[in-house]
Amino acid sequence: MFHRLEAWLNGISGAAILVLVCVAAVNVLGRKLFNLPLPGFIDWVEQFLAIFAFFGLAYCQRLGGHIRMDIVIGQFRGRKLWLAEILSTLLMLILTSALVYGSWHHFLRSLDFSSPLWSRDSSIDIALPLWPAKLIVSLSLFLLWLRLLLQLWGYGRALRQNSNRPVAVPMILDAGSVADQEVDAMEGVDGRAS
């Protein structure tokens, strides 16, 4: 169920990129053909950045798509590997906890229920309220926090059972496997058959 939420938010992130590209095209064409750019274009770009930069965080972590340094950890097997993964995931969880805390308070500082748009701060050009983007950042980081907690559980279970195939965690691939997946992706092969 959590993966479906992550995938849905990742889809929204992709749709936001598509909308932003269309809005940018309209802005450029309007400026070039009619000397009439979209008012507040930069303000809208700022709002959309929060969507497509943060909604896919947990999904990317689930797939193991974030940049990692696997040179040392990739040499481990069995319980040594799971212990190293627990330690790195725990460090990420602590850092993400601090980011969730800070971003949530930053969001709360931007709210003002006495103003018409509930905002103490707004964008410069057309005065869009900034609290929705700040809320997106905070909620996305919280979903990443939940994903890391789930992975911590998965690595702990693998350590306890000395499992070769843990659940709910991304697996480290060697350079050859990564190259094979990239070739399959270029050829349009799904990758689940191999």
N, C-alpha and C. Protein backbone atom coordinates (compact mmCIF):
# COMPACT_ATOMS: atom_id res chain seq x y z
N MET A 1 0.83 -1.19 0.00
CA MET A 1 0.00 0.00 0.00
C MET A 1 0.89 1.26 0.00
N PHE A 2 1.96 1.22 0.79
CA PHE A 2 2.87 2.37 0.85
C PHE A 2 3.55 2.58 -0.50
N HIS A 3 3.89 1.48 -1.16
CA HIS A 3 4.52 1.59 -2.48
C HIS A 3 3.56 2.24 -3.48
N ARG A 4 2.27 1.92 -3.39
CA ARG A 4 1.30 2.54 -4.29
C ARG A 4 1.24 4.06 -4.07
N LEU A 5 1.29 4.47 -2.81
CA LEU A 5 1.32 5.91 -2.51
C LEU A 5 2.58 6.55 -3.10
N GLU A 6 3.72 5.90 -2.92
CA GLU A 6 4.97 6.42 -3.46
C GLU A 6 4.91 6.51 -4.98
N ALA A 7 4.39 5.47 -5.61
CA ALA A 7 4.30 5.46 -7.08
C ALA A 7 3.33 6.53 -7.57
N TRP A 8 2.23 6.72 -6.86
CA TRP A 8 1.25 7.74 -7.24
C TRP A 8 1.87 9.13 -7.14
N LEU A 9 2.58 9.41 -6.06
CA LEU A 9 3.24 10.70 -5.90
C LEU A 9 4.34 10.89 -6.94
N ASN A 10 5.04 9.83 -7.27
CA ASN A 10 6.05 9.91 -8.31
C ASN A 10 5.41 10.23 -9.66
N GLY A 11 4.23 9.66 -9.92
CA GLY A 11 3.48 10.00 -11.14
C GLY A 11 3.07 11.46 -11.17
N ILE A 12 2.64 11.98 -10.02
CA ILE A 12 2.30 13.40 -9.93
C ILE A 12 3.54 14.24 -10.21
N SER A 13 4.67 13.79 -9.72
CA SER A 13 5.93 14.50 -9.97
C SER A 13 6.23 14.57 -11.46
N GLY A 14 6.06 13.45 -12.15
CA GLY A 14 6.27 13.44 -13.60
C GLY A 14 5.27 14.32 -14.33
N ALA A 15 4.02 14.30 -13.87
CA ALA A 15 3.00 15.15 -14.49
C ALA A 15 3.32 16.63 -14.27
N ALA A 16 3.87 16.95 -13.10
CA ALA A 16 4.25 18.34 -12.83
C ALA A 16 5.34 18.81 -13.79
N ILE A 17 6.27 17.90 -14.11
CA ILE A 17 7.31 18.25 -15.07
C ILE A 17 6.69 18.53 -16.43
N LEU A 18 5.74 17.68 -16.84
CA LEU A 18 5.07 17.87 -18.13
C LEU A 18 4.32 19.21 -18.16
N VAL A 19 3.59 19.51 -17.10
CA VAL A 19 2.85 20.77 -17.03
C VAL A 19 3.81 21.95 -17.08
N LEU A 20 4.91 21.84 -16.36
CA LEU A 20 5.88 22.92 -16.34
C LEU A 20 6.51 23.14 -17.72
N VAL A 21 6.78 22.07 -18.45
CA VAL A 21 7.31 22.20 -19.81
C VAL A 21 6.28 22.90 -20.71
N CYS A 22 5.02 22.52 -20.59
CA CYS A 22 3.97 23.16 -21.40
C CYS A 22 3.82 24.64 -21.06
N VAL A 23 3.84 24.95 -19.76
CA VAL A 23 3.73 26.35 -19.35
C VAL A 23 4.93 27.15 -19.85
N ALA A 24 6.11 26.53 -19.80
CA ALA A 24 7.31 27.22 -20.30
C ALA A 24 7.21 27.47 -21.80
N ALA A 25 6.67 26.49 -22.54
CA ALA A 25 6.50 26.68 -23.98
C ALA A 25 5.51 27.80 -24.28
N VAL A 26 4.40 27.84 -23.53
CA VAL A 26 3.43 28.92 -23.71
C VAL A 26 4.06 30.27 -23.38
N ASN A 27 4.86 30.31 -22.34
CA ASN A 27 5.52 31.55 -21.95
C ASN A 27 6.47 32.03 -23.04
N VAL A 28 7.28 31.12 -23.58
CA VAL A 28 8.24 31.49 -24.62
C VAL A 28 7.51 31.92 -25.89
N LEU A 29 6.50 31.16 -26.31
CA LEU A 29 5.75 31.52 -27.52
C LEU A 29 5.00 32.84 -27.34
N GLY A 30 4.41 33.02 -26.16
CA GLY A 30 3.70 34.28 -25.90
C GLY A 30 4.64 35.47 -25.92
N ARG A 31 5.81 35.29 -25.37
CA ARG A 31 6.80 36.38 -25.36
C ARG A 31 7.31 36.66 -26.76
N LYS A 32 7.60 35.60 -27.52
CA LYS A 32 8.20 35.76 -28.86
C LYS A 32 7.18 36.25 -29.89
N LEU A 33 5.98 35.63 -29.91
CA LEU A 33 5.01 35.94 -30.95
C LEU A 33 4.16 37.18 -30.65
N PHE A 34 3.78 37.35 -29.38
CA PHE A 34 2.83 38.41 -29.05
C PHE A 34 3.40 39.45 -28.09
N ASN A 35 4.67 39.29 -27.73
CA ASN A 35 5.29 40.15 -26.74
C ASN A 35 4.46 40.18 -25.45
N LEU A 36 3.93 39.00 -25.08
CA LEU A 36 3.05 38.89 -23.92
C LEU A 36 3.43 37.63 -23.12
N PRO A 37 4.43 37.73 -22.24
CA PRO A 37 4.79 36.55 -21.44
C PRO A 37 3.73 36.28 -20.37
N LEU A 38 3.75 35.08 -19.83
CA LEU A 38 2.83 34.74 -18.75
C LEU A 38 3.21 35.51 -17.49
N PRO A 39 2.25 36.17 -16.88
CA PRO A 39 2.57 36.86 -15.63
C PRO A 39 2.85 35.84 -14.53
N GLY A 40 3.91 36.07 -13.77
CA GLY A 40 4.24 35.19 -12.66
C GLY A 40 4.84 33.86 -13.04
N PHE A 41 5.41 33.78 -14.23
CA PHE A 41 5.96 32.51 -14.69
C PHE A 41 6.99 31.95 -13.69
N ILE A 42 7.90 32.78 -13.24
CA ILE A 42 8.94 32.34 -12.30
C ILE A 42 8.30 31.89 -10.98
N ASP A 43 7.26 32.56 -10.54
CA ASP A 43 6.57 32.17 -9.31
C ASP A 43 5.96 30.78 -9.43
N TRP A 44 5.36 30.50 -10.58
CA TRP A 44 4.78 29.18 -10.79
C TRP A 44 5.86 28.10 -10.89
N VAL A 45 6.98 28.44 -11.51
CA VAL A 45 8.10 27.49 -11.60
C VAL A 45 8.58 27.13 -10.20
N GLU A 46 8.68 28.11 -9.33
CA GLU A 46 9.09 27.84 -7.95
C GLU A 46 8.14 26.87 -7.25
N GLN A 47 6.84 27.03 -7.47
CA GLN A 47 5.87 26.14 -6.85
C GLN A 47 5.98 24.71 -7.41
N PHE A 48 6.14 24.60 -8.73
CA PHE A 48 6.24 23.28 -9.36
C PHE A 48 7.53 22.58 -9.00
N LEU A 49 8.59 23.34 -8.72
CA LEU A 49 9.86 22.72 -8.33
C LEU A 49 9.70 21.88 -7.08
N ALA A 50 8.94 22.36 -6.13
CA ALA A 50 8.72 21.59 -4.90
C ALA A 50 8.03 20.27 -5.21
N ILE A 51 7.12 20.27 -6.17
CA ILE A 51 6.40 19.04 -6.51
C ILE A 51 7.34 18.03 -7.15
N PHE A 52 8.02 18.42 -8.22
CA PHE A 52 8.78 17.39 -8.93
C PHE A 52 10.13 17.10 -8.29
N ALA A 53 10.62 17.97 -7.43
CA ALA A 53 11.89 17.67 -6.77
C ALA A 53 11.70 16.79 -5.53
N PHE A 54 10.53 16.85 -4.89
CA PHE A 54 10.37 16.16 -3.62
C PHE A 54 9.38 15.01 -3.63
N PHE A 55 8.36 15.03 -4.47
CA PHE A 55 7.37 13.95 -4.44
C PHE A 55 7.95 12.59 -4.77
N GLY A 56 9.03 12.52 -5.51
CA GLY A 56 9.62 11.24 -5.89
C GLY A 56 10.70 10.73 -4.97
N LEU A 57 10.98 11.43 -3.85
CA LEU A 57 12.08 11.03 -2.96
C LEU A 57 11.93 9.61 -2.42
N ALA A 58 10.80 9.30 -1.81
CA ALA A 58 10.60 7.99 -1.20
C ALA A 58 10.59 6.89 -2.25
N TYR A 59 10.00 7.17 -3.41
CA TYR A 59 9.96 6.18 -4.50
C TYR A 59 11.38 5.87 -4.97
N CYS A 60 12.18 6.89 -5.13
CA CYS A 60 13.56 6.71 -5.56
C CYS A 60 14.35 5.93 -4.51
N GLN A 61 14.10 6.19 -3.23
CA GLN A 61 14.78 5.44 -2.17
C GLN A 61 14.35 3.99 -2.20
N ARG A 62 13.09 3.72 -2.47
CA ARG A 62 12.60 2.35 -2.53
C ARG A 62 13.32 1.55 -3.61
N LEU A 63 13.59 2.22 -4.74
CA LEU A 63 14.25 1.55 -5.86
C LEU A 63 15.77 1.52 -5.71
N GLY A 64 16.29 2.21 -4.70
CA GLY A 64 17.74 2.31 -4.54
C GLY A 64 18.35 3.23 -5.57
N GLY A 65 17.60 4.23 -6.01
CA GLY A 65 18.03 5.11 -7.08
C GLY A 65 18.87 6.29 -6.64
N HIS A 66 18.96 6.54 -5.34
CA HIS A 66 19.79 7.65 -4.88
C HIS A 66 21.26 7.28 -5.02
N ILE A 67 22.10 8.27 -5.15
CA ILE A 67 23.53 8.04 -5.31
C ILE A 67 24.09 7.44 -4.03
N ARG A 68 24.81 6.34 -4.19
CA ARG A 68 25.43 5.66 -3.05
C ARG A 68 26.89 5.38 -3.38
N MET A 69 27.67 5.23 -2.35
CA MET A 69 29.06 4.83 -2.51
C MET A 69 29.16 3.37 -2.10
N ASP A 70 29.05 2.46 -3.05
CA ASP A 70 28.99 1.03 -2.77
C ASP A 70 30.33 0.33 -2.88
N ILE A 71 31.42 1.07 -3.02
CA ILE A 71 32.71 0.43 -3.21
C ILE A 71 33.07 -0.44 -2.02
N VAL A 72 32.88 0.07 -0.81
CA VAL A 72 33.21 -0.70 0.39
C VAL A 72 32.07 -1.64 0.76
N ILE A 73 30.86 -1.10 0.87
CA ILE A 73 29.72 -1.91 1.30
C ILE A 73 29.45 -3.05 0.30
N GLY A 74 29.69 -2.81 -0.97
CA GLY A 74 29.46 -3.83 -1.98
C GLY A 74 30.35 -5.06 -1.84
N GLN A 75 31.43 -4.95 -1.06
CA GLN A 75 32.32 -6.09 -0.84
C GLN A 75 31.82 -7.02 0.26
N PHE A 76 30.86 -6.54 1.06
CA PHE A 76 30.36 -7.33 2.18
C PHE A 76 29.29 -8.31 1.72
N ARG A 77 29.14 -9.38 2.46
CA ARG A 77 28.09 -10.37 2.23
C ARG A 77 27.46 -10.75 3.56
N GLY A 78 26.24 -11.23 3.51
CA GLY A 78 25.57 -11.75 4.70
C GLY A 78 25.38 -10.70 5.78
N ARG A 79 25.64 -11.12 7.02
CA ARG A 79 25.36 -10.25 8.17
C ARG A 79 26.21 -8.98 8.18
N LYS A 80 27.43 -9.04 7.67
CA LYS A 80 28.26 -7.83 7.60
C LYS A 80 27.60 -6.79 6.68
N LEU A 81 27.06 -7.25 5.56
CA LEU A 81 26.37 -6.34 4.64
C LEU A 81 25.15 -5.73 5.31
N TRP A 82 24.34 -6.56 5.98
CA TRP A 82 23.11 -6.04 6.59
C TRP A 82 23.42 -5.09 7.73
N LEU A 83 24.50 -5.34 8.47
CA LEU A 83 24.88 -4.43 9.54
C LEU A 83 25.34 -3.09 8.96
N ALA A 84 26.13 -3.13 7.90
CA ALA A 84 26.57 -1.88 7.25
C ALA A 84 25.37 -1.11 6.69
N GLU A 85 24.41 -1.82 6.10
CA GLU A 85 23.20 -1.17 5.58
C GLU A 85 22.36 -0.57 6.71
N ILE A 86 22.29 -1.27 7.84
CA ILE A 86 21.55 -0.74 8.99
C ILE A 86 22.19 0.57 9.47
N LEU A 87 23.51 0.58 9.57
CA LEU A 87 24.20 1.78 10.03
C LEU A 87 23.99 2.95 9.06
N SER A 88 24.12 2.70 7.76
CA SER A 88 23.93 3.81 6.80
C SER A 88 22.48 4.26 6.76
N THR A 89 21.54 3.34 6.85
CA THR A 89 20.13 3.72 6.86
C THR A 89 19.79 4.48 8.13
N LEU A 90 20.38 4.08 9.25
CA LEU A 90 20.15 4.78 10.51
C LEU A 90 20.68 6.22 10.43
N LEU A 91 21.83 6.41 9.82
CA LEU A 91 22.36 7.76 9.65
C LEU A 91 21.44 8.59 8.75
N MET A 92 20.95 7.99 7.67
CA MET A 92 20.02 8.70 6.79
C MET A 92 18.73 9.04 7.53
N LEU A 93 18.27 8.11 8.39
CA LEU A 93 17.05 8.34 9.15
C LEU A 93 17.22 9.50 10.12
N ILE A 94 18.37 9.59 10.76
CA ILE A 94 18.64 10.70 11.69
C ILE A 94 18.67 12.02 10.93
N LEU A 95 19.37 12.06 9.80
CA LEU A 95 19.44 13.28 9.00
C LEU A 95 18.05 13.67 8.49
N THR A 96 17.30 12.70 8.01
CA THR A 96 15.95 12.98 7.50
C THR A 96 15.04 13.45 8.62
N SER A 97 15.22 12.92 9.82
CA SER A 97 14.42 13.39 10.97
C SER A 97 14.65 14.87 11.21
N ALA A 98 15.91 15.29 11.16
CA ALA A 98 16.22 16.71 11.34
C ALA A 98 15.60 17.56 10.22
N LEU A 99 15.64 17.04 8.99
CA LEU A 99 15.06 17.77 7.86
C LEU A 99 13.53 17.86 7.98
N VAL A 100 12.90 16.78 8.43
CA VAL A 100 11.44 16.81 8.63
C VAL A 100 11.09 17.84 9.70
N TYR A 101 11.79 17.80 10.79
CA TYR A 101 11.54 18.75 11.89
C TYR A 101 11.69 20.20 11.41
N GLY A 102 12.80 20.49 10.76
CA GLY A 102 13.06 21.85 10.31
C GLY A 102 12.09 22.31 9.24
N SER A 103 11.79 21.44 8.29
CA SER A 103 10.88 21.84 7.21
C SER A 103 9.45 22.03 7.72
N TRP A 104 9.05 21.21 8.70
CA TRP A 104 7.70 21.35 9.26
C TRP A 104 7.57 22.70 9.98
N HIS A 105 8.57 23.08 10.75
CA HIS A 105 8.51 24.37 11.45
C HIS A 105 8.62 25.53 10.46
N HIS A 106 9.35 25.35 9.40
CA HIS A 106 9.42 26.38 8.35
C HIS A 106 8.05 26.55 7.70
N PHE A 107 7.36 25.43 7.47
CA PHE A 107 5.99 25.49 6.93
C PHE A 107 5.06 26.21 7.90
N LEU A 108 5.13 25.85 9.19
CA LEU A 108 4.24 26.47 10.18
C LEU A 108 4.48 27.97 10.29
N ARG A 109 5.74 28.41 10.16
CA ARG A 109 6.04 29.85 10.22
C ARG A 109 5.43 30.61 9.04
N SER A 110 5.22 29.92 7.93
CA SER A 110 4.67 30.62 6.75
C SER A 110 3.15 30.72 6.78
N LEU A 111 2.50 30.00 7.68
CA LEU A 111 1.04 30.05 7.77
C LEU A 111 0.57 31.24 8.60
N ASP A 112 -0.50 31.85 8.14
CA ASP A 112 -1.15 32.93 8.89
C ASP A 112 -2.63 32.86 8.56
N PHE A 113 -3.42 32.29 9.46
CA PHE A 113 -4.84 32.09 9.19
C PHE A 113 -5.64 33.38 9.17
N SER A 114 -5.03 34.48 9.60
CA SER A 114 -5.77 35.75 9.58
C SER A 114 -5.71 36.43 8.21
N SER A 115 -4.81 35.99 7.34
CA SER A 115 -4.73 36.60 6.01
C SER A 115 -5.60 35.81 5.03
N PRO A 116 -6.02 36.42 3.93
CA PRO A 116 -6.94 35.75 3.00
C PRO A 116 -6.36 34.46 2.38
N LEU A 117 -5.08 34.43 2.10
CA LEU A 117 -4.48 33.23 1.50
C LEU A 117 -3.72 32.40 2.51
N TRP A 118 -3.92 32.65 3.80
CA TRP A 118 -3.31 31.93 4.91
C TRP A 118 -1.79 31.98 4.88
N SER A 119 -1.23 33.04 4.34
CA SER A 119 0.22 33.04 4.16
C SER A 119 0.86 34.30 4.70
N ARG A 120 1.99 34.12 5.39
CA ARG A 120 2.81 35.24 5.83
C ARG A 120 3.82 35.63 4.77
N ASP A 121 4.15 34.68 3.92
CA ASP A 121 5.12 34.96 2.86
C ASP A 121 4.54 34.55 1.52
N SER A 122 4.96 35.27 0.50
CA SER A 122 4.44 35.00 -0.84
C SER A 122 5.53 35.26 -1.86
N SER A 123 5.27 34.82 -3.08
CA SER A 123 6.24 35.02 -4.16
C SER A 123 6.28 36.50 -4.54
N ILE A 124 7.34 36.87 -5.20
CA ILE A 124 7.59 38.29 -5.46
C ILE A 124 6.67 38.86 -6.55
N ASP A 125 6.52 38.16 -7.65
CA ASP A 125 5.83 38.74 -8.81
C ASP A 125 4.31 38.82 -8.64
N ILE A 126 3.66 37.66 -8.45
CA ILE A 126 2.20 37.66 -8.39
C ILE A 126 1.67 37.27 -7.01
N ALA A 127 2.54 37.25 -6.02
CA ALA A 127 2.15 37.02 -4.62
C ALA A 127 1.45 35.69 -4.39
N LEU A 128 1.98 34.61 -4.98
CA LEU A 128 1.46 33.28 -4.67
C LEU A 128 1.88 32.92 -3.25
N PRO A 129 0.98 32.34 -2.47
CA PRO A 129 1.38 31.91 -1.12
C PRO A 129 2.41 30.78 -1.23
N LEU A 130 3.41 30.80 -0.36
CA LEU A 130 4.48 29.80 -0.42
C LEU A 130 4.25 28.61 0.49
N TRP A 131 3.24 28.66 1.36
CA TRP A 131 3.04 27.55 2.28
C TRP A 131 2.72 26.22 1.60
N PRO A 132 2.02 26.18 0.44
CA PRO A 132 1.78 24.86 -0.16
C PRO A 132 3.09 24.16 -0.57
N ALA A 133 4.03 24.90 -1.13
CA ALA A 133 5.30 24.30 -1.52
C ALA A 133 6.07 23.83 -0.28
N LYS A 134 6.01 24.61 0.78
CA LYS A 134 6.69 24.22 2.01
C LYS A 134 6.05 22.99 2.64
N LEU A 135 4.74 22.87 2.52
CA LEU A 135 4.05 21.68 3.02
C LEU A 135 4.44 20.45 2.20
N ILE A 136 4.56 20.61 0.89
CA ILE A 136 4.96 19.50 0.02
C ILE A 136 6.34 19.00 0.42
N VAL A 137 7.27 19.91 0.68
CA VAL A 137 8.62 19.52 1.09
C VAL A 137 8.57 18.73 2.38
N SER A 138 7.84 19.24 3.35
CA SER A 138 7.76 18.59 4.66
C SER A 138 7.12 17.20 4.57
N LEU A 139 6.00 17.10 3.87
CA LEU A 139 5.32 15.80 3.75
C LEU A 139 6.15 14.80 2.95
N SER A 140 6.83 15.26 1.92
CA SER A 140 7.67 14.36 1.12
C SER A 140 8.84 13.83 1.95
N LEU A 141 9.43 14.69 2.75
CA LEU A 141 10.51 14.24 3.63
C LEU A 141 10.00 13.26 4.68
N PHE A 142 8.76 13.47 5.15
CA PHE A 142 8.17 12.52 6.10
C PHE A 142 7.95 11.16 5.45
N LEU A 143 7.51 11.14 4.19
CA LEU A 143 7.36 9.86 3.49
C LEU A 143 8.71 9.18 3.30
N LEU A 144 9.75 9.95 3.02
CA LEU A 144 11.10 9.38 2.94
C LEU A 144 11.50 8.80 4.29
N TRP A 145 11.16 9.50 5.37
CA TRP A 145 11.45 9.02 6.72
C TRP A 145 10.76 7.68 6.96
N LEU A 146 9.49 7.57 6.55
CA LEU A 146 8.77 6.29 6.70
C LEU A 146 9.42 5.19 5.87
N ARG A 147 9.85 5.52 4.64
CA ARG A 147 10.51 4.54 3.78
C ARG A 147 11.81 4.05 4.43
N LEU A 148 12.59 4.98 5.01
CA LEU A 148 13.84 4.60 5.67
C LEU A 148 13.56 3.74 6.90
N LEU A 149 12.49 4.04 7.62
CA LEU A 149 12.11 3.22 8.77
C LEU A 149 11.76 1.80 8.31
N LEU A 150 11.03 1.70 7.21
CA LEU A 150 10.68 0.39 6.66
C LEU A 150 11.93 -0.37 6.21
N GLN A 151 12.87 0.33 5.60
CA GLN A 151 14.11 -0.32 5.17
C GLN A 151 14.95 -0.73 6.37
N LEU A 152 14.95 0.06 7.42
CA LEU A 152 15.67 -0.30 8.63
C LEU A 152 15.11 -1.60 9.20
N TRP A 153 13.79 -1.72 9.19
CA TRP A 153 13.16 -2.96 9.63
C TRP A 153 13.58 -4.12 8.72
N GLY A 154 13.58 -3.90 7.40
CA GLY A 154 13.95 -4.96 6.45
C GLY A 154 15.39 -5.41 6.64
N TYR A 155 16.32 -4.47 6.82
CA TYR A 155 17.72 -4.84 7.05
C TYR A 155 17.89 -5.53 8.40
N GLY A 156 17.15 -5.09 9.42
CA GLY A 156 17.21 -5.74 10.73
C GLY A 156 16.70 -7.17 10.65
N ARG A 157 15.65 -7.38 9.89
CA ARG A 157 15.10 -8.73 9.71
C ARG A 157 16.10 -9.61 8.96
N ALA A 158 16.74 -9.05 7.94
CA ALA A 158 17.74 -9.80 7.18
C ALA A 158 18.94 -10.15 8.06
N LEU A 159 19.34 -9.23 8.93
CA LEU A 159 20.45 -9.49 9.85
C LEU A 159 20.08 -10.60 10.83
N ARG A 160 18.89 -10.53 11.38
CA ARG A 160 18.44 -11.52 12.35
C ARG A 160 18.32 -12.91 11.73
N GLN A 161 17.79 -12.97 10.49
CA GLN A 161 17.59 -14.26 9.84
C GLN A 161 18.76 -14.69 8.96
N ASN A 162 19.76 -13.82 8.83
CA ASN A 162 20.90 -14.06 7.93
C ASN A 162 20.41 -14.42 6.53
N SER A 163 19.48 -13.61 6.04
CA SER A 163 18.81 -13.87 4.77
C SER A 163 19.63 -13.35 3.59
N ASN A 164 19.55 -14.05 2.47
CA ASN A 164 20.18 -13.59 1.24
C ASN A 164 19.23 -12.72 0.41
N ARG A 165 17.93 -12.83 0.66
CA ARG A 165 16.93 -12.08 -0.10
C ARG A 165 16.00 -11.36 0.87
N PRO A 166 16.44 -10.21 1.38
CA PRO A 166 15.59 -9.47 2.32
C PRO A 166 14.40 -8.82 1.61
N VAL A 167 13.42 -8.46 2.42
CA VAL A 167 12.24 -7.80 1.88
C VAL A 167 12.31 -6.31 2.21
N ALA A 168 11.66 -5.50 1.38
CA ALA A 168 11.46 -4.06 1.61
C ALA A 168 12.75 -3.25 1.57
N VAL A 169 13.79 -3.76 0.90
CA VAL A 169 15.05 -3.02 0.81
C VAL A 169 15.58 -3.08 -0.62
N PRO A 170 16.26 -2.02 -1.06
CA PRO A 170 16.91 -2.10 -2.37
C PRO A 170 18.18 -2.93 -2.26
N MET A 171 18.49 -3.67 -3.28
CA MET A 171 19.67 -4.53 -3.29
C MET A 171 20.80 -3.85 -4.06
N ILE A 172 22.02 -4.05 -3.58
CA ILE A 172 23.19 -3.52 -4.26
C ILE A 172 23.46 -4.39 -5.48
N LEU A 173 23.64 -3.74 -6.62
CA LEU A 173 23.97 -4.46 -7.84
C LEU A 173 25.43 -4.23 -8.18
N ASP A 174 26.07 -5.26 -8.73
CA ASP A 174 27.44 -5.07 -9.18
C ASP A 174 27.43 -4.29 -10.49
N ALA A 175 28.61 -3.86 -10.91
CA ALA A 175 28.71 -3.01 -12.11
C ALA A 175 28.16 -3.71 -13.34
N GLY A 176 28.38 -5.02 -13.46
CA GLY A 176 27.87 -5.78 -14.61
C GLY A 176 26.35 -5.81 -14.66
N SER A 177 25.72 -6.00 -13.50
CA SER A 177 24.25 -6.03 -13.45
C SER A 177 23.65 -4.66 -13.79
N VAL A 178 24.30 -3.60 -13.30
CA VAL A 178 23.83 -2.25 -13.61
C VAL A 178 23.94 -2.00 -15.11
N ALA A 179 25.06 -2.42 -15.71
CA ALA A 179 25.25 -2.24 -17.16
C ALA A 179 24.21 -3.03 -17.94
N ASP A 180 23.92 -4.26 -17.50
CA ASP A 180 22.89 -5.07 -18.17
C ASP A 180 21.52 -4.41 -18.10
N GLN A 181 21.17 -3.83 -16.93
CA GLN A 181 19.89 -3.14 -16.78
C GLN A 181 19.82 -1.92 -17.69
N GLU A 182 20.92 -1.20 -17.82
CA GLU A 182 20.93 -0.02 -18.68
C GLU A 182 20.77 -0.41 -20.14
N VAL A 183 21.40 -1.51 -20.55
CA VAL A 183 21.24 -2.00 -21.93
C VAL A 183 19.81 -2.41 -22.16
N ASP A 184 19.22 -3.14 -21.20
CA ASP A 184 17.82 -3.55 -21.33
C ASP A 184 16.90 -2.34 -21.42
N ALA A 185 17.17 -1.32 -20.63
CA ALA A 185 16.35 -0.11 -20.66
C ALA A 185 16.46 0.58 -22.02
N MET A 186 17.65 0.60 -22.59
CA MET A 186 17.84 1.24 -23.89
C MET A 186 17.14 0.46 -24.98
N GLU A 187 17.08 -0.86 -24.83
CA GLU A 187 16.43 -1.71 -25.84
C GLU A 187 14.94 -1.85 -25.60
N GLY A 188 14.45 -1.32 -24.50
CA GLY A 188 13.01 -1.37 -24.23
C GLY A 188 12.58 -2.66 -23.56
N VAL A 189 13.51 -3.42 -23.00
CA VAL A 189 13.18 -4.65 -22.30
C VAL A 189 12.77 -4.29 -20.88
N ASP A 190 11.76 -4.97 -20.36
CA ASP A 190 11.21 -4.65 -19.04
C ASP A 190 12.23 -4.89 -17.94
N GLY A 191 13.04 -5.89 -18.02
CA GLY A 191 14.04 -6.16 -17.00
C GLY A 191 13.61 -7.17 -15.97
N ARG A 192 12.30 -7.47 -15.86
CA ARG A 192 11.84 -8.45 -14.89
C ARG A 192 12.07 -9.86 -15.38
N ALA A 193 12.20 -10.05 -16.69
CA ALA A 193 12.40 -11.40 -17.22
C ALA A 193 13.81 -11.89 -17.03
N SER A 194 14.79 -10.94 -16.94
CA SER A 194 16.18 -11.38 -16.82
C SER A 194 16.59 -11.61 -15.40
